[in-house]
Protein backbone atom coordinates (compact mmCIF):
# COMPACT_ATOMS: atom_id res chain seq x y z
CA MET A 1 0.00 0.00 0.00
CA ARG A 2 2.84 2.33 0.88
CA GLN A 3 4.64 1.53 -2.35
CA THR A 4 1.48 2.32 -4.33
CA LYS A 5 1.11 5.65 -2.52
CA LYS A 6 4.74 6.47 -3.19
CA ALA A 7 4.37 5.52 -6.85
CA ARG A 8 1.36 7.82 -7.21
CA LEU A 9 3.26 10.71 -5.70
CA LYS A 10 6.20 10.03 -8.00
CA MET A 11 3.89 9.94 -10.98
CA ALA A 12 2.35 13.29 -9.99
CA GLU A 13 5.81 14.79 -9.68
CA GLN A 14 6.88 13.44 -13.05
CA VAL A 15 3.70 14.65 -14.77
CA LEU A 16 3.99 18.19 -13.41
CA LEU A 17 7.68 18.53 -14.22
CA SER A 18 7.17 17.02 -17.68
CA LEU A 19 4.39 19.53 -18.41
CA LEU A 20 6.66 22.35 -17.27
CA LEU A 21 9.42 21.10 -19.55
CA CYS A 22 6.90 20.79 -22.38
CA SER A 23 5.79 24.41 -21.87
CA LEU A 24 9.34 25.74 -21.89
CA TRP A 25 10.28 23.62 -24.87
CA SER A 26 7.20 24.59 -26.92
CA GLY A 27 8.22 28.24 -26.39
CA LEU A 28 11.59 27.50 -27.99
CA LEU A 29 9.83 25.72 -30.83
CA TRP A 30 7.42 28.64 -31.35
CA PHE A 31 10.20 31.22 -31.62
CA SER A 32 12.20 29.01 -33.96
CA SER A 33 9.13 28.64 -36.20
CA GLN A 34 8.94 32.42 -36.60
CA TYR A 35 12.17 32.30 -38.58
CA LEU A 36 10.58 29.77 -40.93
CA LEU A 37 7.49 31.97 -41.34
CA LYS A 38 9.67 34.96 -42.25
CA LYS A 39 11.52 32.94 -44.85
CA LEU A 40 8.29 31.55 -46.32
CA SER A 41 5.42 33.94 -45.56
CA ALA A 42 2.97 31.82 -47.57
CA LEU A 43 2.95 29.39 -44.64
CA GLN A 44 0.66 31.84 -42.84
CA HIS A 45 -2.06 30.79 -45.28
CA TRP A 46 -1.61 27.07 -44.54
CA PRO A 47 -3.50 26.16 -41.32
CA ALA A 48 -2.05 22.62 -41.26
CA PHE A 49 1.31 24.17 -40.43
CA TYR A 50 0.01 25.18 -37.01
CA TRP A 51 -1.43 21.73 -36.34
CA CYS A 52 2.03 20.34 -37.06
CA LEU A 53 3.52 22.91 -34.68
CA LEU A 54 0.93 22.00 -32.05
CA ALA A 55 1.66 18.28 -32.31
CA LEU A 56 5.40 18.85 -32.05
CA SER A 57 4.85 20.96 -28.93
CA PHE A 58 4.01 17.77 -27.03
CA LEU A 59 7.02 15.85 -28.32
CA PRO A 60 8.90 16.00 -24.97
CA LEU A 61 6.09 14.00 -23.36
CA LEU A 62 6.94 10.97 -25.49
CA PRO A 63 9.13 8.48 -23.59
CA MET A 64 12.49 8.15 -25.32
CA PRO A 65 14.83 7.31 -22.43
CA GLU A 66 17.37 5.24 -24.32
CA LEU A 67 18.18 8.18 -26.58
CA TYR A 68 19.58 10.19 -23.70
CA GLN A 69 21.14 7.53 -21.41
CA HIS A 70 24.75 6.39 -21.46
CA TRP A 71 24.95 2.91 -19.99
CA THR A 72 28.29 2.05 -18.36
CA VAL A 73 29.54 -0.84 -16.27
CA PRO A 74 31.62 0.31 -13.26
CA SER A 75 35.24 -0.77 -13.53
CA VAL A 76 35.27 -1.95 -9.90
CA LEU A 77 32.96 -4.80 -10.91
CA LEU A 78 35.42 -6.01 -13.51
CA LEU A 79 38.48 -6.14 -11.25
CA ASP A 80 39.52 -8.82 -8.77
CA THR A 81 39.34 -7.55 -5.21
CA VAL A 82 42.65 -9.23 -4.38
CA THR A 83 44.71 -7.71 -7.21
CA SER A 84 42.95 -4.35 -7.56
CA VAL A 85 45.19 -1.35 -7.05
CA GLN A 86 42.30 0.78 -5.89
CA ALA A 87 41.94 1.74 -2.27
CA LEU A 88 39.51 -0.79 -0.87
CA THR A 89 38.59 1.12 2.24
CA ALA A 90 34.88 1.51 2.90
CA GLN A 91 33.28 4.48 1.18
CA PRO A 92 31.76 7.17 3.45
CA GLN A 93 28.05 7.58 3.76
CA HIS A 94 26.34 9.18 0.72
CA PRO A 95 26.13 13.00 1.14
CA SER A 96 22.42 13.05 0.41
CA LEU A 97 21.84 10.97 3.56
CA THR A 98 23.63 13.28 5.99
CA GLU A 99 20.63 15.62 6.09
CA PRO A 100 17.00 14.54 6.45
CA ALA A 101 15.05 14.80 3.21
CA VAL A 102 12.34 17.43 3.05
CA ASN A 103 8.87 15.92 2.70
CA THR A 104 7.43 17.55 -0.41
CA THR A 105 4.39 15.29 -0.68
CA PHE A 106 1.92 18.02 0.31
CA TYR A 107 3.31 20.54 -2.16
CA TRP A 108 3.26 18.14 -5.10
CA ARG A 109 -0.31 17.13 -4.33
CA LEU A 110 -1.33 20.77 -3.96
CA ALA A 111 0.30 21.73 -7.27
CA LEU A 112 -1.26 18.80 -9.10
CA GLY A 113 -4.67 19.54 -7.57
CA LEU A 114 -4.56 23.23 -8.51
CA THR A 115 -3.46 22.39 -12.05
CA ALA A 116 -6.33 19.92 -12.47
CA ILE A 117 -8.89 22.32 -10.95
CA ILE A 118 -7.90 25.22 -13.22
CA SER A 119 -7.95 22.89 -16.23
CA LEU A 120 -11.49 21.80 -15.35
CA LEU A 121 -12.57 25.41 -14.87
CA SER A 122 -11.10 26.34 -18.25
CA LEU A 123 -12.86 23.38 -19.84
CA TRP A 124 -16.12 24.42 -18.15
CA ARG A 125 -15.73 27.85 -19.76
CA VAL A 126 -15.56 26.17 -23.17
CA VAL A 127 -18.69 24.19 -22.27
CA LYS A 128 -20.49 27.44 -21.36
CA GLN A 129 -19.44 28.95 -24.68
CA TRP A 130 -20.81 25.89 -26.47
CA GLN A 131 -24.08 26.21 -24.56
CA ARG A 132 -24.26 29.87 -25.55
CA VAL A 133 -23.86 28.93 -29.21
CA GLN A 134 -26.59 26.29 -28.91
CA ARG A 135 -28.90 28.74 -27.16
CA LEU A 136 -28.31 31.29 -29.92
CA ILE A 137 -29.15 28.64 -32.52
CA GLN A 138 -32.35 27.64 -30.70
CA LEU A 139 -33.53 31.26 -30.56
CA SER A 140 -32.96 31.76 -34.28
CA GLU A 141 -35.53 31.04 -36.99
CA PRO A 142 -35.10 28.24 -39.56
CA VAL A 143 -34.75 29.31 -43.18
CA ASP A 144 -35.46 27.31 -46.31
CA LYS A 145 -32.12 26.35 -47.86
CA ALA A 146 -33.49 26.60 -51.39
CA LEU A 147 -34.21 30.32 -50.90
CA LEU A 148 -30.58 31.22 -50.14
CA LEU A 149 -28.43 28.62 -51.86
CA ASN A 150 -27.88 27.95 -55.53
CA LYS A 151 -27.76 24.48 -57.05
CA THR A 152 -23.98 24.21 -56.80
CA GLN A 153 -24.02 25.09 -53.12
CA LEU A 154 -26.83 22.63 -52.39
CA THR A 155 -24.79 19.76 -53.81
CA LEU A 156 -21.97 20.49 -51.34
CA LEU A 157 -24.11 20.24 -48.23
CA PRO A 158 -23.98 17.25 -45.85
CA ALA A 159 -27.11 15.28 -45.03
CA GLN A 160 -27.66 16.97 -41.67
CA PHE A 161 -27.47 20.67 -42.41
CA GLU A 162 -29.76 23.59 -41.81
CA ILE A 163 -29.76 27.38 -42.10
CA ARG A 164 -31.12 29.65 -39.40
CA GLN A 165 -31.45 33.40 -39.08
CA THR A 166 -30.99 35.49 -35.94
CA GLN A 167 -31.77 39.08 -35.01
CA ALA A 168 -28.52 39.37 -33.04
CA ALA A 169 -25.86 41.70 -34.42
CA ILE A 170 -23.29 38.99 -35.05
CA SER A 171 -21.13 37.70 -37.84
CA PRO A 172 -22.37 34.79 -39.94
CA PHE A 173 -20.95 31.57 -38.53
CA ILE A 174 -21.22 27.83 -38.92
CA ALA A 175 -21.45 25.55 -35.87
CA GLY A 176 -21.80 21.90 -34.91
CA TRP A 177 -19.93 18.62 -34.96
CA ASN A 178 -22.08 16.11 -36.85
CA ARG A 179 -25.22 18.18 -37.35
CA MET A 180 -24.05 21.45 -38.90
CA VAL A 181 -25.95 24.75 -38.71
CA LEU A 182 -25.29 27.95 -40.65
CA VAL A 183 -26.45 30.99 -38.66
CA LEU A 184 -26.99 34.20 -40.62
CA PRO A 185 -27.76 37.62 -39.10
CA ALA A 186 -30.84 39.49 -40.22
CA TYR A 187 -28.79 42.42 -41.53
CA ILE A 188 -27.64 40.37 -44.56
CA ASN A 189 -31.10 41.10 -46.04
CA THR A 190 -29.93 44.68 -46.54
CA MET A 191 -26.99 43.47 -48.65
CA SER A 192 -27.04 42.74 -52.34
CA GLU A 193 -27.54 39.22 -53.65
CA GLN A 194 -23.88 38.98 -54.64
CA GLN A 195 -22.72 39.99 -51.16
CA ARG A 196 -24.98 37.39 -49.55
CA GLN A 197 -23.60 34.71 -51.83
CA LEU A 198 -20.04 35.69 -50.95
CA LEU A 199 -20.87 35.39 -47.24
CA ILE A 200 -22.48 32.01 -47.74
CA ASP A 201 -19.56 30.79 -49.89
CA HIS A 202 -17.21 31.80 -47.09
CA GLU A 203 -19.08 29.76 -44.48
CA LEU A 204 -19.56 26.75 -46.77
CA THR A 205 -15.82 26.74 -47.37
CA HIS A 206 -15.37 26.51 -43.60
CA LEU A 207 -17.75 23.56 -43.69
CA GLN A 208 -15.81 21.74 -46.42
CA ARG A 209 -12.52 22.23 -44.56
CA CYS A 210 -14.00 20.94 -41.25
CA ASP A 211 -12.97 24.19 -39.58
CA PRO A 212 -15.71 24.11 -36.89
CA GLN A 213 -14.50 20.73 -35.65
CA GLN A 214 -10.84 21.76 -35.82
CA LEU A 215 -11.42 24.97 -33.91
CA LEU A 216 -13.51 23.24 -31.22
CA ALA A 217 -10.84 20.56 -30.69
CA LEU A 218 -8.17 23.24 -30.51
CA ARG A 219 -10.15 25.28 -27.97
CA ILE A 220 -10.58 22.21 -25.74
CA LEU A 221 -6.86 21.42 -25.89
CA VAL A 222 -5.88 25.00 -25.08
CA ALA A 223 -8.31 25.04 -22.15
CA LEU A 224 -6.86 21.84 -20.68
CA CYS A 225 -3.30 23.09 -21.18
CA TRP A 226 -3.93 26.59 -19.80
CA PHE A 227 -0.46 26.57 -18.20
CA ASN A 228 1.21 26.66 -21.63
CA PRO A 229 0.80 30.19 -23.08
CA VAL A 230 2.38 29.12 -26.37
CA LEU A 231 -0.70 27.03 -27.22
CA ARG A 232 -2.80 30.20 -27.01
CA ARG A 233 -0.50 31.84 -29.54
CA ILE A 234 -0.78 28.81 -31.81
CA GLU A 235 -4.58 28.98 -31.53
CA GLN A 236 -4.65 32.65 -32.52
CA ALA A 237 -2.25 32.02 -35.41
CA PHE A 238 -4.39 29.09 -36.58
CA ILE A 239 -7.54 31.27 -36.62
CA ARG A 240 -5.77 33.93 -38.68
CA SER A 241 -4.41 31.32 -41.06
CA MET A 242 -7.83 29.65 -41.32
CA GLU A 243 -9.60 32.88 -42.30
CA LEU A 244 -6.88 33.88 -44.77
CA ALA A 245 -7.04 30.45 -46.40
CA VAL A 246 -10.85 30.59 -46.68
CA ASP A 247 -10.77 34.12 -48.17
CA LYS A 248 -8.25 32.92 -50.73
CA ALA A 249 -10.28 29.82 -51.57
CA VAL A 250 -13.46 31.85 -52.12
CA LEU A 251 -11.76 34.38 -54.42
CA GLN A 252 -9.95 31.72 -56.43
CA LYS A 253 -13.34 30.73 -57.85
CA GLN A 254 -14.37 34.34 -58.58
CA PRO A 255 -11.36 36.69 -58.55
CA GLU A 256 -13.37 39.50 -60.13
CA GLN A 257 -15.35 39.83 -56.88
CA ALA A 258 -12.34 40.94 -54.80
CA LEU A 259 -13.55 44.53 -54.37
CA LEU A 260 -17.09 43.47 -53.50
CA TYR A 261 -15.72 40.88 -51.08
CA GLY A 262 -13.76 43.59 -49.28
CA GLN A 263 -16.84 45.80 -49.08
CA THR A 264 -18.82 42.89 -47.66
CA LEU A 265 -16.14 42.30 -45.04
CA LEU A 266 -16.19 45.96 -43.96
CA CYS A 267 -19.99 46.01 -43.90
CA SER A 268 -20.19 42.91 -41.74
CA LEU A 269 -17.45 44.25 -39.47
CA LYS A 270 -19.36 47.50 -39.01
CA GLN A 271 -22.69 45.87 -38.13
CA SER A 272 -21.37 43.07 -35.90
CA GLN A 273 -21.08 43.68 -32.17
CA ALA A 274 -18.16 41.87 -30.56
CA GLU A 275 -19.92 41.26 -27.24
CA GLN A 276 -22.72 39.32 -28.96
CA MET A 277 -20.58 37.14 -31.22
CA PRO A 278 -19.84 33.54 -30.16
CA ALA A 279 -16.11 32.94 -29.67
CA LEU A 280 -16.20 29.19 -30.19
CA MET A 281 -16.99 28.77 -33.89
CA PRO A 282 -15.43 30.11 -37.09
CA GLY A 283 -17.19 33.08 -38.61
CA PHE A 284 -16.75 35.78 -41.21
CA ILE A 285 -15.79 38.18 -38.39
CA GLN A 286 -13.68 37.09 -35.41
CA SER A 287 -14.62 38.70 -32.08
CA GLN A 288 -11.05 38.79 -30.75
CA ALA A 289 -9.23 39.69 -33.97
CA SER A 290 -7.12 42.85 -34.12
CA GLN A 291 -7.31 45.67 -36.62
CA SER A 292 -4.04 44.55 -38.24
CA PHE A 293 -5.62 41.15 -38.96
CA TYR A 294 -8.44 42.73 -41.00
CA GLN A 295 -5.92 44.94 -42.77
CA GLN A 296 -4.03 41.79 -43.74
CA ARG A 297 -7.24 40.19 -45.02
CA LEU A 298 -8.11 43.24 -47.12
CA GLN A 299 -4.57 43.48 -48.46
CA GLN A 300 -4.69 39.85 -49.53
CA LEU A 301 -7.77 40.52 -51.65
CA PHE A 302 -5.71 42.63 -54.05
CA GLN A 303 -2.24 41.24 -53.42
CA PRO A 304 -2.84 37.51 -53.03
CA ALA A 305 -0.05 35.45 -51.50
CA PRO A 306 1.61 32.85 -53.75
CA ALA A 307 0.29 29.34 -53.39
CA LEU A 308 2.42 26.74 -51.64
CA SER A 309 3.54 23.84 -53.79
CA PHE A 310 3.59 20.28 -52.51
CA TRP A 311 7.39 20.35 -52.20
CA GLN A 312 7.34 23.64 -50.29
CA LYS A 313 4.87 22.16 -47.81
CA TRP A 314 6.97 19.02 -47.51
CA ARG A 315 10.22 20.97 -46.97
CA ALA A 316 8.59 23.30 -44.44
CA THR A 317 7.20 20.33 -42.49
CA ALA A 318 10.55 18.52 -42.64
CA ALA A 319 12.39 21.64 -41.45
CA LEU A 320 9.96 22.14 -38.58
CA CYS A 321 10.15 18.48 -37.53
CA SER A 322 13.97 18.50 -37.71
CA THR A 323 14.11 21.64 -35.59
CA ALA A 324 11.69 20.09 -33.12
CA LEU A 325 13.74 16.91 -32.81
CA LEU A 326 16.96 18.86 -32.31
CA LEU A 327 15.35 21.02 -29.63
CA ASN A 328 13.82 17.95 -28.00
CA VAL A 329 17.16 16.13 -27.86
CA GLY A 330 18.80 19.20 -26.35
CA CYS A 331 16.08 19.81 -23.76
CA ALA A 332 15.79 16.16 -22.83
CA GLN A 333 19.36 16.24 -21.56
CA LEU A 334 17.96 18.21 -18.61
CA SER A 335 16.57 15.63 -16.24
CA PHE A 336 13.89 17.00 -13.93
CA SER A 337 13.24 13.71 -12.15
CA SER A 338 14.61 12.96 -8.70
CA PRO A 339 17.00 10.17 -7.72
CA PRO A 340 15.43 7.05 -6.19
CA GLU A 341 14.39 7.58 -2.58
CA GLU A 342 12.77 4.42 -1.22
CA TRP A 343 14.32 1.07 -2.07
CA VAL A 344 12.83 -2.42 -1.95
CA LEU A 345 14.54 -5.19 0.01
CA PRO A 346 15.92 -7.56 -2.63
CA VAL A 347 15.03 -10.75 -0.68
CA GLY A 348 12.71 -9.52 2.04
CA LYS A 349 13.33 -9.78 5.78
CA VAL A 350 16.25 -12.22 6.07
CA PRO A 351 19.38 -12.11 8.27
CA ILE A 352 22.37 -10.08 7.10
CA THR A 353 25.38 -12.39 7.24
CA SER A 354 27.96 -9.76 6.27
CA PHE A 355 27.59 -5.99 6.43
CA TYR A 356 29.27 -3.30 4.35
CA GLY A 357 32.89 -2.58 5.32
CA VAL A 358 33.31 -5.76 7.38
CA LYS A 359 36.72 -7.41 7.02
CA HIS A 360 37.06 -11.20 6.81
CA PRO A 361 39.94 -13.61 6.16
CA PHE A 362 37.98 -15.07 3.25
CA ARG A 363 38.48 -11.73 1.50
CA GLN A 364 42.05 -11.41 2.85
CA ASN A 365 40.73 -8.82 5.32
CA ARG A 366 39.60 -6.48 2.55
CA PRO A 367 36.47 -4.41 3.42
CA HIS A 368 33.21 -5.91 2.19
CA GLN A 369 31.72 -3.77 -0.61
CA GLY A 370 28.07 -4.78 -0.17
CA LEU A 371 25.56 -6.67 1.93
CA ASP A 372 25.20 -10.46 2.12
CA PHE A 373 21.61 -11.61 2.66
CA GLY A 374 21.41 -15.05 4.22
CA ALA A 375 18.51 -16.27 2.10
CA LYS A 376 17.94 -19.91 1.23
CA ARG A 377 18.81 -21.34 -2.15
CA GLY A 378 15.99 -20.69 -4.65
CA ALA A 379 14.56 -17.68 -2.79
CA THR A 380 13.23 -14.99 -5.15
CA VAL A 381 15.46 -11.96 -5.69
CA LYS A 382 13.66 -8.67 -6.51
CA ALA A 383 14.76 -5.42 -8.11
CA ALA A 384 15.39 -2.77 -5.46
CA GLN A 385 14.12 0.02 -7.74
CA LYS A 386 12.87 0.57 -11.26
CA GLY A 387 15.55 0.62 -13.91
CA LYS A 388 17.11 -1.00 -16.95
CA VAL A 389 18.96 -4.32 -16.89
CA LEU A 390 22.51 -3.83 -18.12
CA ILE A 391 23.88 -7.30 -17.37
CA ALA A 392 22.22 -10.65 -16.63
CA ASP A 393 24.82 -13.39 -17.16
CA GLN A 394 27.87 -15.11 -15.65
CA THR A 395 30.62 -13.81 -17.93
CA SER A 396 30.39 -10.01 -18.17
CA LEU A 397 31.68 -9.22 -14.66
CA ASN A 398 34.54 -10.64 -12.59
CA SER A 399 34.17 -14.38 -12.06
CA ARG A 400 33.89 -13.97 -8.27
CA TYR A 401 30.32 -12.67 -8.72
CA GLY A 402 29.10 -15.80 -10.53
CA LYS A 403 25.70 -15.32 -12.11
CA ALA A 404 25.00 -11.62 -11.62
CA VAL A 405 22.48 -8.93 -12.55
CA LEU A 406 23.41 -5.24 -12.87
CA ILE A 407 20.56 -2.71 -13.01
CA ASP A 408 20.90 0.99 -13.84
CA HIS A 409 18.40 3.24 -12.04
CA GLY A 410 19.49 6.57 -13.52
CA HIS A 411 21.18 9.55 -11.82
CA GLY A 412 24.33 7.44 -11.37
CA TYR A 413 22.60 4.79 -9.22
CA GLN A 414 23.21 1.10 -9.98
CA THR A 415 22.55 -2.11 -8.05
CA LEU A 416 24.31 -5.47 -8.32
CA TYR A 417 22.83 -8.88 -7.41
CA ALA A 418 25.46 -11.62 -7.36
CA HIS A 419 25.84 -15.41 -6.81
CA LEU A 420 22.40 -16.10 -8.36
CA ASP A 421 21.21 -19.55 -9.29
CA ASP A 422 18.93 -18.53 -12.17
CA PHE A 423 17.58 -15.46 -14.04
CA TYR A 424 14.03 -14.27 -14.67
CA ILE A 425 15.06 -11.33 -16.83
CA LYS A 426 17.50 -10.46 -19.60
CA ALA A 427 19.74 -7.54 -20.55
CA GLY A 428 17.93 -4.55 -22.02
CA GLN A 429 14.71 -5.20 -20.10
CA THR A 430 13.04 -2.41 -18.11
CA LEU A 431 12.01 -3.33 -14.56
CA GLU A 432 9.62 -2.02 -11.94
CA PRO A 433 10.39 -1.88 -8.19
CA GLY A 434 10.03 -5.30 -6.59
CA GLN A 435 9.93 -7.19 -9.88
CA PRO A 436 11.51 -10.69 -9.61
CA ILE A 437 14.87 -10.94 -11.36
CA GLY A 438 16.23 -14.34 -10.31
CA LYS A 439 16.88 -16.91 -7.58
CA VAL A 440 19.38 -17.03 -4.72
CA GLY A 441 22.27 -19.42 -5.44
CA SER A 442 25.95 -20.08 -4.73
CA THR A 443 27.66 -19.38 -8.05
CA GLY A 444 31.02 -17.60 -8.08
CA ARG A 445 33.45 -17.33 -5.17
CA VAL A 446 31.28 -18.13 -2.14
CA THR A 447 31.16 -20.32 0.95
CA GLY A 448 27.44 -21.05 0.64
CA PRO A 449 24.10 -19.89 -0.81
CA HIS A 450 23.35 -16.19 -0.24
CA LEU A 451 22.65 -12.95 -2.12
CA HIS A 452 25.47 -10.46 -2.46
CA PHE A 453 23.92 -6.99 -2.98
CA GLU A 454 25.86 -3.87 -3.91
CA LEU A 455 24.78 -0.25 -4.40
CA LEU A 456 26.95 1.90 -6.65
CA VAL A 457 26.72 5.68 -7.09
CA ASP A 458 28.70 7.15 -9.99
CA GLY A 459 30.64 3.90 -10.27
CA LYS A 460 31.65 3.66 -6.60
CA GLN A 461 30.28 1.24 -4.03
CA GLN A 462 28.23 2.77 -1.22
CA ASP A 463 26.84 1.34 1.99
CA PRO A 464 23.34 0.09 1.05
CA THR A 465 22.19 0.02 4.71
CA PRO A 466 20.88 3.62 4.91
CA TYR A 467 18.86 3.10 1.71
CA LEU A 468 17.13 -0.08 2.82
CA LYS A 469 14.69 -0.66 5.68
CA LEU A 470 16.40 -3.67 7.20
């Protein structure tokens, strides 16, 4: 029960620190992407670029431990204790044990709880925005599609689609997930037929590109990851790119309508009230857009940006992914996890037949470099902590150890289990605390069956006693 509680705390610590690393790293990725946007400004009109940037922002959360670890076998395990020229005096107690560890359990739980609560509150805000959109749709009046759409537009509609009209001073917008609804404000009746068709073409283009679903998914993700301000920037950039791409798509079919399209944009902007517009769905007018954004949209009408070729998109994506991987490799070198704190007894509560530093004629009065557990032959030996198996054989280390297992726990910590009778694991395997690794035996240079257990820190043997609850 205690181990489970400890594991949960460790998981909370790892999650919080990983999210912090992810936030810092995504900031580096965002600023590096600005260079790419300056070199190729047409990327601003390609919304998929920002989805790629968003996906790469979470790259540090992927487990790739072997990429950053350097596995080494301590030289002291390869030498004979009789002929070694090293000083074989007992090592002093580990410095981290000279002072009592500060109990940070409460603070980690508090931080994790506050993070989860704020995420839920942010998600609830998105839910309230969705409810506001649905309430606005319910209060609007249904309109016959045949009265507003031409034959070409009708053929592009999904099976579940309707048009509604509202008296609210808002921008036209399209909403929904499976059942799509186009909401038009009443003031479009004062516009010309051509202007109305341009507005409808704009919203139907959003529909074909699945922009409502994309924007809703993005808003949910940003709400859950409120602690990462870079995601908010990506969201805003995606909305700008989405609207620029839709404007361009509409005018590609009818380039002669550029001037009228600009007039329609200004007219809708003038009659729409920001406080009444829903912020959750894509619309002709964005409630939180700046004046410079609309200037960019109007400028594009008469100075359209060059289209991106397939190879330009491929090279931009490859450059972004390469930059992300390089940044990830660099940032992953910083380890925010803590060294192991609580260790599992390798063979349970059994007598200790030889302590660390004890001298004995069998070893020619050299200090003992580990603990000998007086367990019976065949008793199960367990991993003292989670880690990666570096060695599980009888030949890699000095012959005095016999059948031995060497496990690397990270942060310079390694444990050795010697004189085994059999193995349950193999080299390269990842272990959890308390996982069986073999059986007690009498292989190697011994006087009888027992488990020889060593703890090494940065390649030097340490007294395992303070780490274990004997």
